[in-house]
Amino acid sequence: MKVNKIVVLQLMMSMVLMLGTASCSKKSSSTHASRATGWDVDSQNGTAARNAGKKQQAGPGLVFVEGGTFTMGKVQDDVMHDWNNTPTQQHVQSFYMDETEVTNGMYLEYLEWLKKVFPPTEENYKNIYEGASPDTLVWRNRLGYNETMTNNYLRHPSYANYPVVGVNWIQAVEFSKWRTDRVNEAVLEKNGYLQKGAKTNDVNAENAFNTEGYLMSPSTSRGASEEIVLKKNPTGRRPKAGKDGVVPEEKNVYAQRSSGIILPEYRLPTEAEWEYAAAADVGQREYNIYKGQKKYPWSGDYTRSNKRKNKGDQLANFKQGNGDYGGIAGWSDDGADITNAVKSYAPNDFGLYDMAGNVAEWVADVYRPIIDNEANDFNYYRGNQYAKNKIGKDGKIEIVTTATIKYDTLSNGKVIARNLPGEIAQVPVDEQETYLRQNFSTSDNINYRDGDKQSSRYFDFGDSESGSKADQAMYNSPKHNVTTDSLGKMIRKYDNSSKRTTLIDDKVRVYKGGSWRDRAYWLDPAQRRYFPQDMATDYIGFRCAMSRVGSKSEKRKSPRN
């Protein structure tokens, strides 16, 4: 009998515990309760917790590229014997990329905005618009009549959907920064954080929107005008009256990164990203069997389509032979002689157009003859120059003003603005950030393992018999210099030293893909070439990319806990 009472008591205690556990579980599963503290995150203004799980939205013009592993480099015979693209296994994180190259129409929108906000007629801004303008003289040829393109290609509406050319690498980077601000400005307006129409009404150099400036100090961005920079109730619900019947004031906040609506920056893709996206090996599966790397962005070893609907059509815009930029009129034609309108040819398996042909494209990387996968095989990129926000003497973040705009005079004499009013001034990271770190030790990492003194045969720069330090550098390219005197007159110093042995230096960038001027050999996504970052051509354009935050895939669901 006693045993039975004990059993009954044990069963009763178990039922109480089970009910208590279920009750706790029910409370913790509340949509507004924090998994860390159990607090109501709305009442505590827990923005990050409240927005947990919010997915990144693709920016305008972008296509999702799911990351993965791939063989970067040329897997077929290197008939040119460049040996600068030997195969290496790399992994690329998921990211977004422009569906097409940046077009003349898109770039003209940028120029018109600059002209409106920074009028070229004002002395303080005279170099901003001109410095951003493409070089239309790239079309000229000593023995060819191309004045029609020189005068019309950029601005005539017939070419609005053609890829912009004559843009150097620096200009492409500045366009990407401008695009980031305009897109996020539109996002904030759409979500009620900026006044409707503010992005177009009475915009000037003093109140132009900047993403980083807004995130650091929303109350001082856009001229600190509360009529433009709005506050918003994060919960979207009206506060309830208290026991005394008084309704408390609403808690208003500005948008933050934790809001989940501000997009990462538009930028140039890295070389690894561009090659991965162009190859699009995701389409090389058949019955779950991987069929190997493709020669071109499309399947097959030929440049013509083998599909019944368009059999024999060229799949890209490229030079087919000497004096043959498109084929005989009406037959065997690729539809273009110079560039062609974007989306004129079928996309690859990621949905990206013109990843071979039309124009070659700038990528972010500084050129080196090898890809060093021994140092890194994940999101490979050469060109990191880490910076931080500049702090003024008053202890506050320094914002660029009209008086502190910085201009660079390029090797060809072109003057380009490298920052604009409203942006946060940047300085290289110092020992405070690098001390005792294992992952990086300096701000400038361009020469790491390829260009620094450890990678040069002249390790001891103190050896007097080896010549000057400049001549001992691993890449001792010509050092042209352009300066201006006190009167603004340009002084050019051309380096004609006979000791220069290479054109490679820290200011040459990789460009990828074939163009309308190139033979089919260069359509292979693995091909890589380089060009000075401050010079432009009639066959190099660009497209933007954006990093993916959150899950690797858009289709797979995260496992439930």
Protein backbone atom coordinates (compact mmCIF):
# COMPACT_ATOMS: atom_id res chain seq x y z
CA MET A 1 0.00 0.00 0.00
CA LYS A 2 2.81 2.34 0.89
CA VAL A 3 4.48 1.54 -2.39
CA ASN A 4 1.33 2.47 -4.29
CA LYS A 5 1.11 5.86 -2.48
CA ILE A 6 4.71 6.58 -3.41
CA VAL A 7 4.02 5.72 -7.06
CA VAL A 8 0.95 7.98 -7.11
CA LEU A 9 2.92 10.87 -5.58
CA GLN A 10 5.69 10.41 -8.16
CA LEU A 11 3.16 10.47 -11.01
CA MET A 12 1.54 13.64 -9.63
CA MET A 13 4.92 15.37 -9.33
CA SER A 14 5.80 14.38 -12.91
CA MET A 15 2.54 15.83 -14.22
CA VAL A 16 3.18 19.11 -12.36
CA LEU A 17 6.67 19.34 -13.84
CA MET A 18 5.39 18.60 -17.32
CA LEU A 19 2.72 21.28 -17.06
CA GLY A 20 5.26 23.78 -15.75
CA THR A 21 7.67 22.99 -18.57
CA ALA A 22 4.94 23.35 -21.16
CA SER A 23 3.94 26.68 -19.63
CA CYS A 24 7.53 27.96 -19.74
CA SER A 25 7.93 26.67 -23.29
CA LYS A 26 4.77 28.47 -24.32
CA LYS A 27 5.99 31.75 -22.83
CA SER A 28 9.43 31.51 -24.40
CA SER A 29 7.92 30.89 -27.81
CA SER A 30 6.14 34.27 -27.78
CA THR A 31 6.80 36.23 -30.95
CA HIS A 32 7.85 39.27 -28.92
CA ALA A 33 9.89 37.49 -26.24
CA SER A 34 13.68 37.46 -26.39
CA ARG A 35 15.25 33.99 -26.55
CA ALA A 36 18.13 35.32 -24.47
CA THR A 37 16.28 37.06 -21.63
CA GLY A 38 12.59 36.36 -22.06
CA TRP A 39 11.89 40.10 -22.10
CA ASP A 40 9.36 41.64 -24.44
CA VAL A 41 11.73 42.98 -27.11
CA ASP A 42 9.19 45.48 -28.38
CA SER A 43 8.73 47.10 -25.00
CA GLN A 44 12.51 47.14 -24.52
CA ASN A 45 13.07 48.55 -28.05
CA GLY A 46 15.15 45.51 -29.02
CA THR A 47 15.53 46.28 -32.69
CA ALA A 48 18.00 43.50 -33.52
CA ALA A 49 15.96 40.81 -31.78
CA ARG A 50 12.73 42.06 -33.27
CA ASN A 51 14.14 41.90 -36.82
CA ALA A 52 15.90 38.56 -36.37
CA GLY A 53 15.56 36.41 -39.45
CA LYS A 54 14.73 39.28 -41.83
CA LYS A 55 16.21 38.41 -45.22
CA GLN A 56 18.23 40.72 -47.40
CA GLN A 57 16.39 42.11 -50.37
CA ALA A 58 18.16 42.23 -53.74
CA GLY A 59 19.07 45.75 -54.82
CA PRO A 60 17.83 47.21 -58.13
CA GLY A 61 19.34 45.53 -61.17
CA LEU A 62 20.92 42.66 -59.22
CA VAL A 63 20.67 38.89 -59.67
CA PHE A 64 21.35 36.40 -56.88
CA VAL A 65 24.44 34.21 -57.35
CA GLU A 66 24.59 31.31 -54.93
CA GLY A 67 28.18 30.71 -53.81
CA GLY A 68 30.15 27.51 -53.88
CA THR A 69 33.44 25.94 -54.86
CA PHE A 70 34.95 26.09 -58.35
CA THR A 71 38.20 25.72 -60.21
CA MET A 72 39.50 29.23 -60.78
CA GLY A 73 41.87 29.49 -63.73
CA LYS A 74 42.33 27.86 -67.10
CA VAL A 75 41.80 24.11 -67.23
CA GLN A 76 42.58 23.77 -70.93
CA ASP A 77 45.86 24.28 -72.79
CA ASP A 78 47.46 27.69 -72.29
CA VAL A 79 48.32 28.36 -75.92
CA MET A 80 49.52 31.90 -75.13
CA HIS A 81 51.87 30.57 -72.43
CA ASP A 82 50.90 33.37 -70.06
CA TRP A 83 50.95 31.07 -67.03
CA ASN A 84 49.02 33.70 -65.10
CA ASN A 85 45.84 31.67 -64.65
CA THR A 86 46.94 28.25 -63.47
CA PRO A 87 44.03 26.31 -61.91
CA THR A 88 43.34 26.76 -58.20
CA GLN A 89 40.38 25.55 -56.15
CA GLN A 90 38.48 28.44 -54.58
CA HIS A 91 35.27 28.96 -52.64
CA VAL A 92 33.11 32.05 -53.15
CA GLN A 93 30.36 33.20 -50.81
CA SER A 94 26.92 33.97 -52.17
CA PHE A 95 26.52 37.47 -53.58
CA TYR A 96 24.49 39.57 -55.97
CA MET A 97 25.63 40.84 -59.37
CA ASP A 98 24.26 43.23 -61.96
CA GLU A 99 22.15 41.42 -64.53
CA THR A 100 23.86 43.45 -67.27
CA GLU A 101 26.79 45.80 -67.64
CA VAL A 102 26.25 49.37 -66.46
CA THR A 103 24.72 51.17 -69.44
CA ASN A 104 25.14 54.66 -70.86
CA GLY A 105 21.68 55.51 -69.53
CA MET A 106 22.59 54.43 -66.00
CA TYR A 107 25.85 56.35 -66.06
CA LEU A 108 24.19 59.50 -67.45
CA GLU A 109 21.82 59.43 -64.46
CA TYR A 110 24.93 59.62 -62.27
CA LEU A 111 26.39 62.51 -64.28
CA GLU A 112 23.14 64.47 -64.20
CA TRP A 113 22.95 64.08 -60.42
CA LEU A 114 26.52 65.32 -60.03
CA LYS A 115 25.83 68.30 -62.27
CA LYS A 116 22.76 69.22 -60.21
CA VAL A 117 24.32 68.80 -56.78
CA PHE A 118 27.84 70.01 -57.62
CA PRO A 119 27.41 72.60 -60.40
CA PRO A 120 30.55 72.65 -62.61
CA THR A 121 30.18 76.43 -62.92
CA GLU A 122 31.13 76.86 -59.25
CA GLU A 123 34.85 77.02 -58.53
CA ASN A 124 34.68 74.58 -55.61
CA TYR A 125 33.08 71.88 -57.75
CA LYS A 126 34.50 72.45 -61.22
CA ASN A 127 36.46 69.18 -61.28
CA ILE A 128 33.78 66.84 -59.90
CA TYR A 129 31.57 66.50 -62.98
CA GLU A 130 34.46 66.55 -65.43
CA GLY A 131 36.39 64.00 -63.38
CA ALA A 132 33.46 61.58 -63.47
CA SER A 133 32.75 61.97 -67.20
CA PRO A 134 33.81 59.08 -69.47
CA ASP A 135 36.61 59.68 -71.95
CA THR A 136 34.78 59.79 -75.27
CA LEU A 137 38.05 60.14 -77.20
CA VAL A 138 38.80 56.44 -76.63
CA TRP A 139 36.93 55.77 -79.88
CA ARG A 140 39.45 57.61 -82.03
CA ASN A 141 41.91 55.72 -84.23
CA ARG A 142 44.74 57.23 -86.24
CA LEU A 143 43.71 55.30 -89.33
CA GLY A 144 39.98 54.93 -88.78
CA TYR A 145 36.92 57.17 -88.90
CA ASN A 146 35.15 56.79 -85.55
CA GLU A 147 33.98 60.35 -84.89
CA THR A 148 30.37 59.20 -84.93
CA MET A 149 30.97 57.17 -81.74
CA THR A 150 33.11 59.94 -80.24
CA ASN A 151 30.25 62.41 -80.59
CA ASN A 152 27.22 60.18 -80.02
CA TYR A 153 27.96 56.93 -78.17
CA LEU A 154 27.59 58.26 -74.61
CA ARG A 155 24.62 60.58 -74.99
CA HIS A 156 22.54 59.64 -78.03
CA PRO A 157 19.35 57.81 -76.98
CA SER A 158 20.03 55.10 -79.55
CA TYR A 159 22.94 53.99 -77.37
CA ALA A 160 21.18 54.38 -73.99
CA ASN A 161 21.03 50.60 -73.39
CA TYR A 162 24.57 49.97 -74.60
CA PRO A 163 27.35 49.35 -72.03
CA VAL A 164 29.22 52.48 -70.98
CA VAL A 165 32.90 52.57 -72.01
CA GLY A 166 35.66 55.14 -71.60
CA VAL A 167 35.33 54.71 -67.82
CA ASN A 168 38.49 53.98 -65.86
CA TRP A 169 38.61 51.77 -62.77
CA ILE A 170 38.57 54.69 -60.33
CA GLN A 171 35.47 56.17 -61.96
CA ALA A 172 33.73 52.79 -61.80
CA VAL A 173 34.43 52.62 -58.04
CA GLU A 174 33.06 56.14 -57.50
CA PHE A 175 29.91 55.29 -59.48
CA SER A 176 29.37 52.26 -57.23
CA LYS A 177 29.61 54.42 -54.10
CA TRP A 178 27.12 56.91 -55.53
CA ARG A 179 24.73 54.09 -56.46
CA THR A 180 24.84 52.73 -52.89
CA ASP A 181 23.69 56.06 -51.50
CA ARG A 182 20.93 56.59 -54.04
CA VAL A 183 19.52 53.08 -53.58
CA ASN A 184 19.52 53.30 -49.77
CA GLU A 185 18.03 56.78 -49.97
CA ALA A 186 15.12 55.34 -51.94
CA VAL A 187 14.79 52.41 -49.48
CA LEU A 188 14.57 54.76 -46.50
CA GLU A 189 12.02 56.93 -48.26
CA LYS A 190 9.91 53.89 -49.11
CA ASN A 191 9.97 52.74 -45.48
CA GLY A 192 9.07 56.14 -44.08
CA TYR A 193 12.45 57.25 -42.73
CA LEU A 194 12.91 60.03 -45.28
CA GLN A 195 10.36 62.50 -46.52
CA LYS A 196 8.80 61.53 -49.84
CA GLY A 197 10.43 63.37 -52.72
CA ALA A 198 13.38 64.43 -50.57
CA LYS A 199 15.85 62.66 -52.84
CA THR A 200 14.98 64.95 -55.73
CA ASN A 201 13.76 68.18 -54.12
CA ASP A 202 16.32 70.92 -53.50
CA VAL A 203 19.27 68.53 -53.16
CA ASN A 204 22.62 70.29 -52.88
CA ALA A 205 26.16 69.66 -51.68
CA GLU A 206 25.24 70.45 -48.08
CA ASN A 207 22.32 68.07 -47.71
CA ALA A 208 23.06 65.20 -50.10
CA PHE A 209 22.32 61.83 -48.51
CA ASN A 210 25.18 59.50 -47.57
CA THR A 211 24.53 56.00 -46.21
CA GLU A 212 27.41 55.81 -43.72
CA GLY A 213 26.81 59.38 -42.59
CA TYR A 214 23.17 58.56 -41.90
CA LEU A 215 24.04 55.40 -39.96
CA MET A 216 26.59 57.20 -37.79
CA SER A 217 24.46 60.26 -37.07
CA PRO A 218 20.96 60.38 -38.56
CA SER A 219 20.10 63.61 -36.77
CA THR A 220 22.90 65.52 -38.54
CA SER A 221 22.57 64.00 -41.99
CA ARG A 222 20.74 65.82 -44.78
CA GLY A 223 21.39 69.18 -43.09
CA ALA A 224 19.91 67.98 -39.78
CA SER A 225 16.43 68.81 -41.04
CA GLU A 226 13.70 66.99 -39.10
CA GLU A 227 11.36 67.69 -41.99
CA ILE A 228 13.45 65.40 -44.20
CA VAL A 229 15.07 62.87 -41.83
CA LEU A 230 12.07 61.32 -40.10
CA LYS A 231 11.69 59.29 -36.95
CA LYS A 232 9.49 56.24 -36.92
CA ASN A 233 7.75 54.00 -34.41
CA PRO A 234 9.64 50.68 -34.78
CA THR A 235 6.74 48.47 -33.70
CA GLY A 236 4.14 50.04 -35.95
CA ARG A 237 1.59 49.79 -33.08
CA ARG A 238 0.11 52.60 -31.05
CA PRO A 239 1.13 52.53 -27.38
CA LYS A 240 -1.59 51.47 -24.95
CA ALA A 241 -2.84 53.67 -22.14
CA GLY A 242 -1.50 52.99 -18.67
CA LYS A 243 -3.47 52.32 -15.49
CA ASP A 244 -3.85 56.05 -15.06
CA GLY A 245 -5.41 56.28 -18.51
CA VAL A 246 -2.51 58.29 -19.93
CA VAL A 247 -1.14 57.17 -23.30
CA PRO A 248 2.70 57.33 -23.23
CA GLU A 249 4.61 59.03 -25.97
CA GLU A 250 5.63 56.82 -28.89
CA LYS A 251 9.22 55.62 -29.01
CA ASN A 252 10.62 56.96 -32.26
CA VAL A 253 13.87 55.74 -33.77
CA TYR A 254 15.87 56.15 -36.96
CA ALA A 255 16.72 53.29 -39.29
CA GLN A 256 19.83 51.32 -38.31
CA ARG A 257 21.70 48.31 -39.69
CA SER A 258 19.67 46.25 -37.23
CA SER A 259 16.51 47.43 -38.99
CA GLY A 260 17.42 45.04 -41.81
CA ILE A 261 16.36 47.38 -44.62
CA ILE A 262 19.62 49.17 -45.41
CA LEU A 263 21.50 47.34 -48.17
CA PRO A 264 25.24 46.62 -48.22
CA GLU A 265 27.32 48.69 -50.60
CA TYR A 266 27.39 48.34 -54.36
CA ARG A 267 30.97 47.62 -55.45
CA LEU A 268 33.03 46.08 -58.20
CA PRO A 269 33.06 42.27 -58.05
CA THR A 270 36.28 40.55 -57.09
CA GLU A 271 38.04 38.55 -59.78
CA ALA A 272 37.00 35.29 -58.11
CA GLU A 273 33.36 36.39 -57.94
CA TRP A 274 33.31 37.53 -61.55
CA GLU A 275 34.88 34.33 -62.89
CA TYR A 276 32.61 32.15 -60.75
CA ALA A 277 29.52 34.02 -61.93
CA ALA A 278 30.61 33.98 -65.57
CA ALA A 279 31.40 30.25 -65.63
CA ALA A 280 28.02 29.44 -64.00
CA ASP A 281 28.93 25.80 -63.42
CA VAL A 282 25.65 25.50 -61.54
CA GLY A 283 24.13 24.51 -64.88
CA GLN A 284 26.57 21.67 -65.43
CA ARG A 285 24.52 19.05 -63.62
CA GLU A 286 22.65 16.24 -65.27
CA TYR A 287 20.93 13.63 -63.11
CA ASN A 288 22.90 15.08 -60.17
CA ILE A 289 26.18 14.37 -61.95
CA TYR A 290 28.59 17.29 -62.40
CA LYS A 291 29.75 17.39 -66.02
CA GLY A 292 32.85 19.55 -65.49
CA GLN A 293 33.89 23.12 -66.11
CA LYS A 294 32.65 24.88 -69.22
CA LYS A 295 34.87 26.58 -71.78
CA TYR A 296 32.47 29.51 -72.17
CA PRO A 297 29.60 30.92 -70.07
CA TRP A 298 27.31 28.64 -72.10
CA SER A 299 27.47 24.87 -72.55
CA GLY A 300 29.46 23.46 -75.44
CA ASP A 301 32.80 24.16 -77.09
CA TYR A 302 31.52 26.47 -79.82
CA THR A 303 30.36 30.08 -80.03
CA ARG A 304 27.21 29.26 -82.02
CA SER A 305 23.90 27.97 -80.70
CA ASN A 306 22.94 24.36 -81.37
CA LYS A 307 19.31 24.79 -80.35
CA ARG A 308 16.73 24.23 -83.06
CA LYS A 309 15.04 27.62 -82.55
CA ASN A 310 18.18 29.69 -83.15
CA LYS A 311 20.64 27.14 -84.49
CA GLY A 312 23.82 28.72 -85.81
CA ASP A 313 23.33 32.10 -84.12
CA GLN A 314 26.36 33.60 -82.38
CA LEU A 315 26.05 33.51 -78.59
CA ALA A 316 28.20 36.59 -77.97
CA ASN A 317 29.51 39.76 -79.56
CA PHE A 318 33.21 39.35 -80.43
CA LYS A 319 35.71 39.74 -83.26
CA GLN A 320 35.47 36.72 -85.55
CA GLY A 321 38.65 37.34 -87.53
CA ASN A 322 40.91 39.96 -89.07
CA GLY A 323 38.66 42.71 -90.35
CA ASP A 324 35.57 40.72 -89.28
CA TYR A 325 33.72 42.26 -86.32
CA GLY A 326 30.36 40.63 -86.92
CA GLY A 327 30.21 38.59 -90.09
CA ILE A 328 28.76 39.17 -93.53
CA ALA A 329 25.69 41.39 -93.45
CA GLY A 330 22.53 39.33 -93.17
CA TRP A 331 24.33 36.02 -92.70
CA SER A 332 26.55 34.60 -89.97
CA ASP A 333 26.16 37.91 -88.18
CA ASP A 334 26.42 38.42 -84.42
CA GLY A 335 24.23 41.52 -84.68
CA ALA A 336 26.87 44.12 -83.85
CA ASP A 337 30.04 45.71 -85.13
CA ILE A 338 31.02 47.68 -82.01
CA THR A 339 29.18 47.04 -78.76
CA ASN A 340 25.57 45.86 -78.70
CA ALA A 341 22.58 46.65 -76.51
CA VAL A 342 22.57 44.69 -73.26
CA LYS A 343 20.41 41.54 -73.21
CA SER A 344 20.96 41.02 -76.95
CA TYR A 345 22.24 37.50 -76.27
CA ALA A 346 20.99 34.72 -74.02
CA PRO A 347 21.95 34.81 -70.32
CA ASN A 348 24.07 32.18 -68.62
CA ASP A 349 22.78 29.74 -66.01
CA PHE A 350 22.83 32.41 -63.28
CA GLY A 351 20.70 34.72 -65.42
CA LEU A 352 23.60 37.09 -66.18
CA TYR A 353 23.92 38.67 -69.62
CA ASP A 354 27.08 39.34 -71.64
CA MET A 355 29.56 37.63 -69.32
CA ALA A 356 31.47 36.95 -72.55
CA GLY A 357 31.75 39.46 -75.36
CA ASN A 358 30.29 42.95 -75.83
CA VAL A 359 32.72 44.66 -73.42
CA ALA A 360 35.37 43.33 -71.08
CA GLU A 361 34.80 44.35 -67.46
CA TRP A 362 36.77 45.87 -64.60
CA VAL A 363 37.03 43.83 -61.40
CA ALA A 364 38.26 44.97 -58.01
CA ASP A 365 41.60 43.12 -57.85
CA VAL A 366 45.09 44.49 -58.26
CA TYR A 367 46.82 42.38 -60.92
CA ARG A 368 49.47 39.83 -60.00
CA PRO A 369 50.67 36.95 -62.23
CA ILE A 370 49.46 34.30 -59.77
CA ILE A 371 46.46 33.58 -57.54
CA ASP A 372 47.89 32.65 -54.15
CA ASN A 373 45.54 29.94 -52.91
CA GLU A 374 48.18 28.80 -50.41
CA ALA A 375 47.47 31.99 -48.47
CA ASN A 376 43.71 31.97 -48.95
CA ASP A 377 41.18 29.87 -50.83
CA PHE A 378 38.03 31.57 -49.49
CA ASN A 379 36.68 34.78 -51.09
CA TYR A 380 40.09 35.41 -52.66
CA TYR A 381 40.85 39.09 -53.30
CA ARG A 382 44.06 41.09 -53.68
CA GLY A 383 43.67 44.78 -52.99
CA ASN A 384 42.60 45.18 -49.36
CA GLN A 385 43.44 48.61 -47.94
CA TYR A 386 41.78 48.82 -44.54
CA ALA A 387 40.60 52.22 -43.32
CA LYS A 388 38.65 53.68 -40.42
CA ASN A 389 36.60 56.77 -39.74
CA LYS A 390 38.65 59.89 -39.11
CA ILE A 391 38.14 61.47 -35.69
CA GLY A 392 38.56 65.24 -35.49
CA LYS A 393 40.21 67.24 -32.73
CA ASP A 394 36.83 67.67 -31.06
CA GLY A 395 36.52 63.89 -30.71
CA LYS A 396 33.75 63.66 -33.28
CA ILE A 397 33.69 61.87 -36.62
CA GLU A 398 34.92 64.17 -39.37
CA ILE A 399 32.52 64.72 -42.24
CA VAL A 400 33.83 65.81 -45.63
CA THR A 401 32.80 69.37 -46.46
CA THR A 402 33.17 71.54 -49.55
CA ALA A 403 36.46 72.81 -48.14
CA THR A 404 37.89 69.32 -47.49
CA ILE A 405 37.13 67.55 -50.80
CA LYS A 406 40.21 65.62 -51.93
CA TYR A 407 41.19 65.48 -55.58
CA ASP A 408 43.66 63.14 -57.28
CA THR A 409 45.60 64.10 -60.39
CA LEU A 410 45.94 60.95 -62.46
CA SER A 411 48.94 59.99 -64.60
CA ASN A 412 47.19 61.33 -67.70
CA GLY A 413 46.42 64.66 -66.04
CA LYS A 414 42.72 64.00 -65.35
CA VAL A 415 41.53 65.36 -61.99
CA ILE A 416 39.09 63.16 -60.06
CA ALA A 417 37.34 63.78 -56.73
CA ARG A 418 37.96 60.90 -54.33
CA ASN A 419 35.42 61.99 -51.69
CA LEU A 420 32.36 64.22 -51.68
CA PRO A 421 30.64 66.42 -49.09
CA GLY A 422 28.57 64.40 -46.64
CA GLU A 423 30.87 61.37 -46.69
CA ILE A 424 32.83 60.31 -43.61
CA ALA A 425 36.54 61.08 -43.95
CA GLN A 426 38.69 57.93 -43.91
CA VAL A 427 42.24 57.29 -42.70
CA PRO A 428 44.36 54.09 -42.79
CA VAL A 429 44.11 51.81 -39.77
CA ASP A 430 47.04 52.13 -37.38
CA GLU A 431 48.75 50.06 -34.69
CA GLN A 432 45.72 50.41 -32.45
CA GLU A 433 43.84 48.05 -34.79
CA THR A 434 46.74 45.86 -35.96
CA TYR A 435 48.68 45.23 -32.73
CA LEU A 436 49.07 41.49 -32.00
CA ARG A 437 46.60 40.53 -34.70
CA GLN A 438 47.17 37.29 -36.57
CA ASN A 439 44.95 37.97 -39.61
CA PHE A 440 46.48 41.29 -40.74
CA SER A 441 49.31 43.55 -39.61
CA THR A 442 49.08 46.61 -41.85
CA SER A 443 46.55 48.84 -43.56
CA ASP A 444 47.80 48.24 -47.10
CA ASN A 445 47.83 44.54 -48.07
CA ILE A 446 48.21 44.85 -51.84
CA ASN A 447 51.78 43.52 -51.86
CA TYR A 448 51.30 40.72 -49.36
CA ARG A 449 53.39 37.68 -50.47
CA ASP A 450 53.79 39.16 -53.94
CA GLY A 451 55.48 42.54 -54.15
CA ASP A 452 56.71 43.11 -50.61
CA LYS A 453 60.38 42.75 -49.78
CA GLN A 454 59.99 39.20 -48.47
CA SER A 455 58.78 38.12 -51.90
CA SER A 456 61.58 39.92 -53.76
CA ARG A 457 64.97 38.46 -54.51
CA TYR A 458 66.42 41.64 -52.97
CA PHE A 459 65.46 40.84 -49.41
CA ASP A 460 68.23 42.98 -47.91
CA PHE A 461 67.59 46.52 -49.10
CA GLY A 462 70.69 47.66 -47.25
CA ASP A 463 72.99 46.01 -49.80
CA SER A 464 74.76 48.94 -51.46
CA GLU A 465 75.86 46.84 -54.46
CA SER A 466 72.30 46.08 -55.48
CA GLY A 467 71.49 49.66 -56.47
CA SER A 468 68.82 51.97 -55.12
CA LYS A 469 65.77 50.76 -53.24
CA ALA A 470 63.48 51.81 -56.09
CA ASP A 471 65.34 49.60 -58.55
CA GLN A 472 65.21 46.62 -56.17
CA ALA A 473 61.41 46.51 -55.98
CA MET A 474 59.85 43.31 -57.24
CA TYR A 475 57.70 45.20 -59.73
CA ASN A 476 59.83 48.16 -60.77
CA SER A 477 57.41 49.67 -63.27
CA PRO A 478 57.69 53.22 -64.67
CA LYS A 479 56.89 55.96 -62.15
CA HIS A 480 55.17 58.68 -64.13
CA ASN A 481 54.20 61.73 -62.13
CA VAL A 482 51.80 64.61 -62.78
CA THR A 483 51.57 67.61 -60.45
CA THR A 484 50.35 71.19 -60.58
CA ASP A 485 52.25 74.31 -59.58
CA SER A 486 50.92 77.22 -57.54
CA LEU A 487 49.30 78.71 -60.64
CA GLY A 488 47.49 75.51 -61.49
CA LYS A 489 49.75 74.69 -64.43
CA MET A 490 50.21 70.98 -65.03
CA ILE A 491 53.73 69.60 -64.68
CA ARG A 492 54.28 66.19 -66.29
CA LYS A 493 57.26 64.04 -65.40
CA TYR A 494 57.60 61.05 -67.69
CA ASP A 495 59.73 58.16 -66.41
CA ASN A 496 62.04 57.13 -69.24
CA SER A 497 64.44 55.07 -67.15
CA SER A 498 66.04 52.14 -68.98
CA LYS A 499 66.00 50.05 -65.79
CA ARG A 500 62.26 49.44 -65.80
CA THR A 501 61.40 45.81 -66.49
CA THR A 502 57.62 45.54 -66.08
CA LEU A 503 54.34 47.40 -66.43
CA ILE A 504 52.90 45.73 -63.32
CA ASP A 505 52.54 47.88 -60.21
CA ASP A 506 50.00 48.52 -57.46
CA LYS A 507 47.84 50.66 -59.76
CA VAL A 508 47.03 48.14 -62.47
CA ARG A 509 43.74 46.31 -62.17
CA VAL A 510 42.41 43.06 -63.57
CA TYR A 511 39.78 43.11 -66.27
CA LYS A 512 37.91 39.99 -67.34
CA GLY A 513 35.96 38.66 -70.29
CA GLY A 514 36.28 39.17 -74.01
CA SER A 515 34.97 42.22 -75.84
CA TRP A 516 33.79 43.27 -79.28
CA ARG A 517 37.48 43.85 -80.13
CA ASP A 518 38.63 40.40 -78.98
CA ARG A 519 38.79 36.98 -80.64
CA ALA A 520 36.90 34.03 -79.18
CA TYR A 521 39.99 32.94 -77.22
CA TRP A 522 39.34 35.72 -74.68
CA LEU A 523 35.70 34.72 -74.08
CA ASP A 524 36.85 32.03 -71.62
CA PRO A 525 35.95 33.28 -68.10
CA ALA A 526 39.37 32.11 -66.85
CA GLN A 527 41.25 34.59 -69.02
CA ARG A 528 42.68 37.58 -67.20
CA ARG A 529 44.40 40.74 -68.33
CA TYR A 530 45.40 44.02 -66.72
CA PHE A 531 45.22 47.73 -67.45
CA PRO A 532 46.18 50.90 -65.52
CA GLN A 533 43.39 51.86 -63.12
CA ASP A 534 43.43 55.52 -64.20
CA MET A 535 43.12 54.86 -67.94
CA ALA A 536 40.11 53.93 -70.08
CA THR A 537 39.43 52.20 -73.41
CA ASP A 538 36.57 51.67 -75.85
CA TYR A 539 36.26 47.98 -74.93
CA ILE A 540 36.27 47.90 -71.09
CA GLY A 541 33.08 48.55 -69.12
CA PHE A 542 31.91 47.27 -65.72
CA ARG A 543 29.06 45.93 -63.65
CA CYS A 544 28.43 46.10 -59.90
CA ALA A 545 28.14 43.44 -57.23
CA MET A 546 26.79 43.35 -53.68
CA SER A 547 27.66 40.97 -50.85
CA ARG A 548 25.01 38.58 -49.58
CA VAL A 549 24.31 38.71 -45.84
CA GLY A 550 22.64 35.80 -44.11
CA SER A 551 21.94 32.38 -45.58
CA LYS A 552 23.96 30.92 -48.45
CA SER A 553 20.87 29.92 -50.41
CA GLU A 554 17.56 31.61 -51.08
CA LYS A 555 15.71 28.30 -51.48
CA ARG A 556 16.76 26.24 -48.49
CA LYS A 557 15.10 26.93 -45.16
CA SER A 558 17.10 27.23 -41.98
CA PRO A 559 16.69 24.21 -39.67
CA ARG A 560 14.26 24.73 -36.83
CA ASN A 561 15.62 24.64 -33.32
